[in-house]
């Protein structure tokens, strides 16, 4: 039996997130690991959608490489803290900070962030997608699909 390596695991996570991003026609998708001791989220993978401006993708990836859990204007942080899916809608958010800023930059109308749980039921990460207006799948269905990625 082959042992899994961190590189192979990272490739598997990237493949799952990229496939989800493409299937949903998402503007972007990503996965962050929870560093509970450091009180932060650490980006494992960020996948820009086909139509995302490459510069915006690079800026977002850099800005969210590590995210303090105090940054509650981001849906990924809300999902990590509450242990519940967090839906961010562009019309409900200020344009100059957090998810509102990034959703507008992505050309997305909403994002859905879902906590990932380890086998003991503790939050160990967050997976999130930013979706365009053209995606009419309801939030619960999106959250369910994100939860089924098997990223723990």
C-alpha atoms as a PDB file:
ATOM      1  CA  UNK A   1       0.000   0.000   0.000  1.00  0.00           C
ATOM      2  CA  UNK A   2       1.402   3.391  -0.970  1.00  0.00           C
ATOM      3  CA  UNK A   3       1.601   6.086   1.648  1.00  0.00           C
ATOM      4  CA  UNK A   4       0.057   9.397   0.727  1.00  0.00           C
ATOM      5  CA  UNK A   5       2.451  12.285   0.464  1.00  0.00           C
ATOM      6  CA  UNK A   6       1.655  15.915   1.201  1.00  0.00           C
ATOM      7  CA  UNK A   7       2.282  16.741  -2.480  1.00  0.00           C
ATOM      8  CA  UNK A   8      -0.069  14.029  -3.697  1.00  0.00           C
ATOM      9  CA  UNK A   9      -2.685  15.147  -1.159  1.00  0.00           C
ATOM     10  CA  UNK A  10      -2.327  18.780  -2.300  1.00  0.00           C
ATOM     11  CA  UNK A  11      -2.671  17.703  -5.944  1.00  0.00           C
ATOM     12  CA  UNK A  12      -5.802  15.726  -5.073  1.00  0.00           C
ATOM     13  CA  UNK A  13      -7.311  18.719  -3.239  1.00  0.00           C
ATOM     14  CA  UNK A  14      -6.429  21.043  -6.162  1.00  0.00           C
ATOM     15  CA  UNK A  15      -8.057  18.620  -8.616  1.00  0.00           C
ATOM     16  CA  UNK A  16     -11.262  18.349  -6.552  1.00  0.00           C
ATOM     17  CA  UNK A  17     -11.541  22.129  -6.087  1.00  0.00           C
ATOM     18  CA  UNK A  18     -10.738  22.825  -9.766  1.00  0.00           C
ATOM     19  CA  UNK A  19     -13.326  20.270 -10.921  1.00  0.00           C
ATOM     20  CA  UNK A  20     -15.955  21.830  -8.652  1.00  0.00           C
ATOM     21  CA  UNK A  21     -15.086  25.329  -9.887  1.00  0.00           C
ATOM     22  CA  UNK A  22     -15.472  24.221 -13.530  1.00  0.00           C
ATOM     23  CA  UNK A  23     -18.649  22.206 -12.919  1.00  0.00           C
ATOM     24  CA  UNK A  24     -20.375  25.128 -11.180  1.00  0.00           C
ATOM     25  CA  UNK A  25     -19.078  27.746 -13.607  1.00  0.00           C
ATOM     26  CA  UNK A  26     -17.681  29.495 -10.529  1.00  0.00           C
ATOM     27  CA  UNK A  27     -15.705  32.722 -10.668  1.00  0.00           C
ATOM     28  CA  UNK A  28     -13.244  31.141  -8.220  1.00  0.00           C
ATOM     29  CA  UNK A  29     -12.962  28.427  -5.596  1.00  0.00           C
ATOM     30  CA  UNK A  30     -10.599  27.705  -2.752  1.00  0.00           C
ATOM     31  CA  UNK A  31      -9.769  25.619   0.268  1.00  0.00           C
ATOM     32  CA  UNK A  32      -8.209  26.884   3.501  1.00  0.00           C
ATOM     33  CA  UNK A  33      -6.900  24.766   6.390  1.00  0.00           C
ATOM     34  CA  UNK A  34      -7.725  25.935   9.909  1.00  0.00           C
ATOM     35  CA  UNK A  35      -4.662  26.650  12.041  1.00  0.00           C
ATOM     36  CA  UNK A  36      -6.514  26.773  15.364  1.00  0.00           C
ATOM     37  CA  UNK A  37      -3.354  27.411  17.358  1.00  0.00           C
ATOM     38  CA  UNK A  38      -2.431  30.366  15.144  1.00  0.00           C
ATOM     39  CA  UNK A  39      -6.086  31.512  15.019  1.00  0.00           C
ATOM     40  CA  UNK A  40      -5.985  31.751  11.235  1.00  0.00           C
ATOM     41  CA  UNK A  41      -6.907  30.082   7.983  1.00  0.00           C
ATOM     42  CA  UNK A  42      -4.063  29.009   5.697  1.00  0.00           C
ATOM     43  CA  UNK A  43      -4.744  28.765   1.961  1.00  0.00           C
ATOM     44  CA  UNK A  44      -4.179  25.274   0.583  1.00  0.00           C
ATOM     45  CA  UNK A  45      -5.512  25.899  -2.899  1.00  0.00           C
ATOM     46  CA  UNK A  46      -7.093  28.762  -4.837  1.00  0.00           C
ATOM     47  CA  UNK A  47      -8.508  28.098  -8.290  1.00  0.00           C
ATOM     48  CA  UNK A  48      -9.521  31.048 -10.465  1.00  0.00           C
ATOM     49  CA  UNK A  49     -12.434  30.455 -12.811  1.00  0.00           C
ATOM     50  CA  UNK A  50     -11.968  30.610 -16.585  1.00  0.00           C
ATOM     51  CA  UNK A  51     -13.185  34.200 -16.850  1.00  0.00           C
ATOM     52  CA  UNK A  52     -11.485  35.639 -13.764  1.00  0.00           C
ATOM     53  CA  UNK A  53      -9.012  38.435 -14.472  1.00  0.00           C
ATOM     54  CA  UNK A  54      -5.570  36.880 -13.765  1.00  0.00           C
ATOM     55  CA  UNK A  55      -4.428  39.970 -11.844  1.00  0.00           C
ATOM     56  CA  UNK A  56      -7.501  39.806  -9.565  1.00  0.00           C
ATOM     57  CA  UNK A  57      -6.821  36.109  -9.000  1.00  0.00           C
ATOM     58  CA  UNK A  58      -3.204  36.806  -8.011  1.00  0.00           C
ATOM     59  CA  UNK A  59      -4.246  39.635  -5.677  1.00  0.00           C
ATOM     60  CA  UNK A  60      -6.879  37.490  -3.967  1.00  0.00           C
ATOM     61  CA  UNK A  61      -4.517  34.520  -3.606  1.00  0.00           C
ATOM     62  CA  UNK A  62      -1.896  36.787  -2.020  1.00  0.00           C
ATOM     63  CA  UNK A  63      -4.427  38.545   0.231  1.00  0.00           C
ATOM     64  CA  UNK A  64      -5.846  35.255   1.515  1.00  0.00           C
ATOM     65  CA  UNK A  65      -2.649  33.200   1.826  1.00  0.00           C
ATOM     66  CA  UNK A  66      -3.218  33.489   5.576  1.00  0.00           C
ATOM     67  CA  UNK A  67      -6.371  34.987   7.040  1.00  0.00           C
ATOM     68  CA  UNK A  68      -6.704  35.834  10.741  1.00  0.00           C
ATOM     69  CA  UNK A  69      -9.917  34.555  12.344  1.00  0.00           C
ATOM     70  CA  UNK A  70     -10.536  38.142  13.442  1.00  0.00           C
ATOM     71  CA  UNK A  71     -11.287  39.044   9.788  1.00  0.00           C
ATOM     72  CA  UNK A  72     -15.007  38.336  10.120  1.00  0.00           C
ATOM     73  CA  UNK A  73     -15.905  40.352   7.011  1.00  0.00           C
ATOM     74  CA  UNK A  74     -14.908  37.254   5.012  1.00  0.00           C
ATOM     75  CA  UNK A  75     -17.346  34.354   4.591  1.00  0.00           C
ATOM     76  CA  UNK A  76     -14.546  31.792   4.961  1.00  0.00           C
ATOM     77  CA  UNK A  77     -13.824  33.125   8.464  1.00  0.00           C
ATOM     78  CA  UNK A  78     -17.512  33.117   9.419  1.00  0.00           C
ATOM     79  CA  UNK A  79     -17.807  29.473   8.286  1.00  0.00           C
ATOM     80  CA  UNK A  80     -14.668  28.508  10.246  1.00  0.00           C
ATOM     81  CA  UNK A  81     -15.829  30.240  13.439  1.00  0.00           C
ATOM     82  CA  UNK A  82     -19.494  29.171  13.388  1.00  0.00           C
ATOM     83  CA  UNK A  83     -19.043  25.694  11.930  1.00  0.00           C
ATOM     84  CA  UNK A  84     -21.963  26.490   9.600  1.00  0.00           C
ATOM     85  CA  UNK A  85     -22.147  27.359   5.902  1.00  0.00           C
ATOM     86  CA  UNK A  86     -21.814  31.108   5.261  1.00  0.00           C
ATOM     87  CA  UNK A  87     -23.459  32.747   2.255  1.00  0.00           C
ATOM     88  CA  UNK A  88     -22.253  36.199   1.243  1.00  0.00           C
ATOM     89  CA  UNK A  89     -24.374  38.204  -1.203  1.00  0.00           C
ATOM     90  CA  UNK A  90     -22.834  41.144  -3.028  1.00  0.00           C
ATOM     91  CA  UNK A  91     -25.931  43.337  -2.568  1.00  0.00           C
ATOM     92  CA  UNK A  92     -25.785  42.884   1.223  1.00  0.00           C
ATOM     93  CA  UNK A  93     -22.109  43.777   1.655  1.00  0.00           C
ATOM     94  CA  UNK A  94     -20.065  46.986   1.636  1.00  0.00           C
ATOM     95  CA  UNK A  95     -17.986  47.454  -1.509  1.00  0.00           C
ATOM     96  CA  UNK A  96     -14.755  48.404   0.215  1.00  0.00           C
ATOM     97  CA  UNK A  97     -13.933  45.444   2.447  1.00  0.00           C
ATOM     98  CA  UNK A  98     -14.054  41.702   2.959  1.00  0.00           C
ATOM     99  CA  UNK A  99     -16.248  39.477   0.850  1.00  0.00           C
ATOM    100  CA  UNK A 100     -18.065  42.451  -0.674  1.00  0.00           C
ATOM    101  CA  UNK A 101     -14.845  43.779  -2.159  1.00  0.00           C
ATOM    102  CA  UNK A 102     -13.721  40.424  -3.532  1.00  0.00           C
ATOM    103  CA  UNK A 103     -17.118  39.377  -4.890  1.00  0.00           C
ATOM    104  CA  UNK A 104     -17.272  42.598  -6.891  1.00  0.00           C
ATOM    105  CA  UNK A 105     -13.700  42.141  -8.133  1.00  0.00           C
ATOM    106  CA  UNK A 106     -14.559  38.585  -9.206  1.00  0.00           C
ATOM    107  CA  UNK A 107     -17.770  39.644 -10.959  1.00  0.00           C
ATOM    108  CA  UNK A 108     -19.627  37.292  -8.602  1.00  0.00           C
ATOM    109  CA  UNK A 109     -23.065  37.772  -7.077  1.00  0.00           C
ATOM    110  CA  UNK A 110     -22.502  35.519  -4.039  1.00  0.00           C
ATOM    111  CA  UNK A 111     -20.178  33.101  -2.361  1.00  0.00           C
ATOM    112  CA  UNK A 112     -20.851  29.985  -0.347  1.00  0.00           C
ATOM    113  CA  UNK A 113     -18.270  28.943   2.253  1.00  0.00           C
ATOM    114  CA  UNK A 114     -18.609  25.593   4.017  1.00  0.00           C
ATOM    115  CA  UNK A 115     -16.639  24.329   7.009  1.00  0.00           C
ATOM    116  CA  UNK A 116     -14.819  21.042   6.516  1.00  0.00           C
ATOM    117  CA  UNK A 117     -14.852  18.717   9.509  1.00  0.00           C
ATOM    118  CA  UNK A 118     -12.296  16.148  10.562  1.00  0.00           C
ATOM    119  CA  UNK A 119     -13.406  12.598  11.467  1.00  0.00           C
ATOM    120  CA  UNK A 120     -14.100  13.802  15.046  1.00  0.00           C
ATOM    121  CA  UNK A 121     -16.493  16.541  13.892  1.00  0.00           C
ATOM    122  CA  UNK A 122     -14.143  19.468  14.539  1.00  0.00           C
ATOM    123  CA  UNK A 123     -13.717  22.168  11.903  1.00  0.00           C
ATOM    124  CA  UNK A 124     -10.376  21.630  10.147  1.00  0.00           C
ATOM    125  CA  UNK A 125     -10.834  23.869   7.105  1.00  0.00           C
ATOM    126  CA  UNK A 126     -13.176  25.791   4.827  1.00  0.00           C
ATOM    127  CA  UNK A 127     -14.030  25.347   1.155  1.00  0.00           C
ATOM    128  CA  UNK A 128     -15.624  28.218  -0.734  1.00  0.00           C
ATOM    129  CA  UNK A 129     -16.902  29.152  -4.189  1.00  0.00           C
ATOM    130  CA  UNK A 130     -17.715  32.551  -5.669  1.00  0.00           C
ATOM    131  CA  UNK A 131     -20.627  32.270  -8.075  1.00  0.00           C
ATOM    132  CA  UNK A 132     -21.837  34.481 -10.928  1.00  0.00           C
ATOM    133  CA  UNK A 133     -25.446  35.575 -11.460  1.00  0.00           C
ATOM    134  CA  UNK A 134     -25.732  32.880 -14.134  1.00  0.00           C
ATOM    135  CA  UNK A 135     -25.497  30.138 -11.487  1.00  0.00           C
ATOM    136  CA  UNK A 136     -29.061  29.596 -10.255  1.00  0.00           C
ATOM    137  CA  UNK A 137     -28.349  26.577  -8.042  1.00  0.00           C
ATOM    138  CA  UNK A 138     -29.722  27.242  -4.543  1.00  0.00           C
ATOM    139  CA  UNK A 139     -27.352  27.884  -1.638  1.00  0.00           C
ATOM    140  CA  UNK A 140     -28.261  24.659   0.180  1.00  0.00           C
ATOM    141  CA  UNK A 141     -27.431  22.536  -2.868  1.00  0.00           C
ATOM    142  CA  UNK A 142     -24.112  24.352  -3.340  1.00  0.00           C
ATOM    143  CA  UNK A 143     -23.276  23.913   0.357  1.00  0.00           C
ATOM    144  CA  UNK A 144     -24.138  20.210   0.141  1.00  0.00           C
ATOM    145  CA  UNK A 145     -21.854  19.755  -2.900  1.00  0.00           C
ATOM    146  CA  UNK A 146     -19.009  21.576  -1.149  1.00  0.00           C
ATOM    147  CA  UNK A 147     -19.461  19.377   1.906  1.00  0.00           C
ATOM    148  CA  UNK A 148     -19.228  16.242  -0.261  1.00  0.00           C
ATOM    149  CA  UNK A 149     -15.763  17.069  -1.640  1.00  0.00           C
ATOM    150  CA  UNK A 150     -14.115  14.931   1.035  1.00  0.00           C
ATOM    151  CA  UNK A 151     -11.361  17.409   1.906  1.00  0.00           C
ATOM    152  CA  UNK A 152     -10.911  16.518   5.575  1.00  0.00           C
END
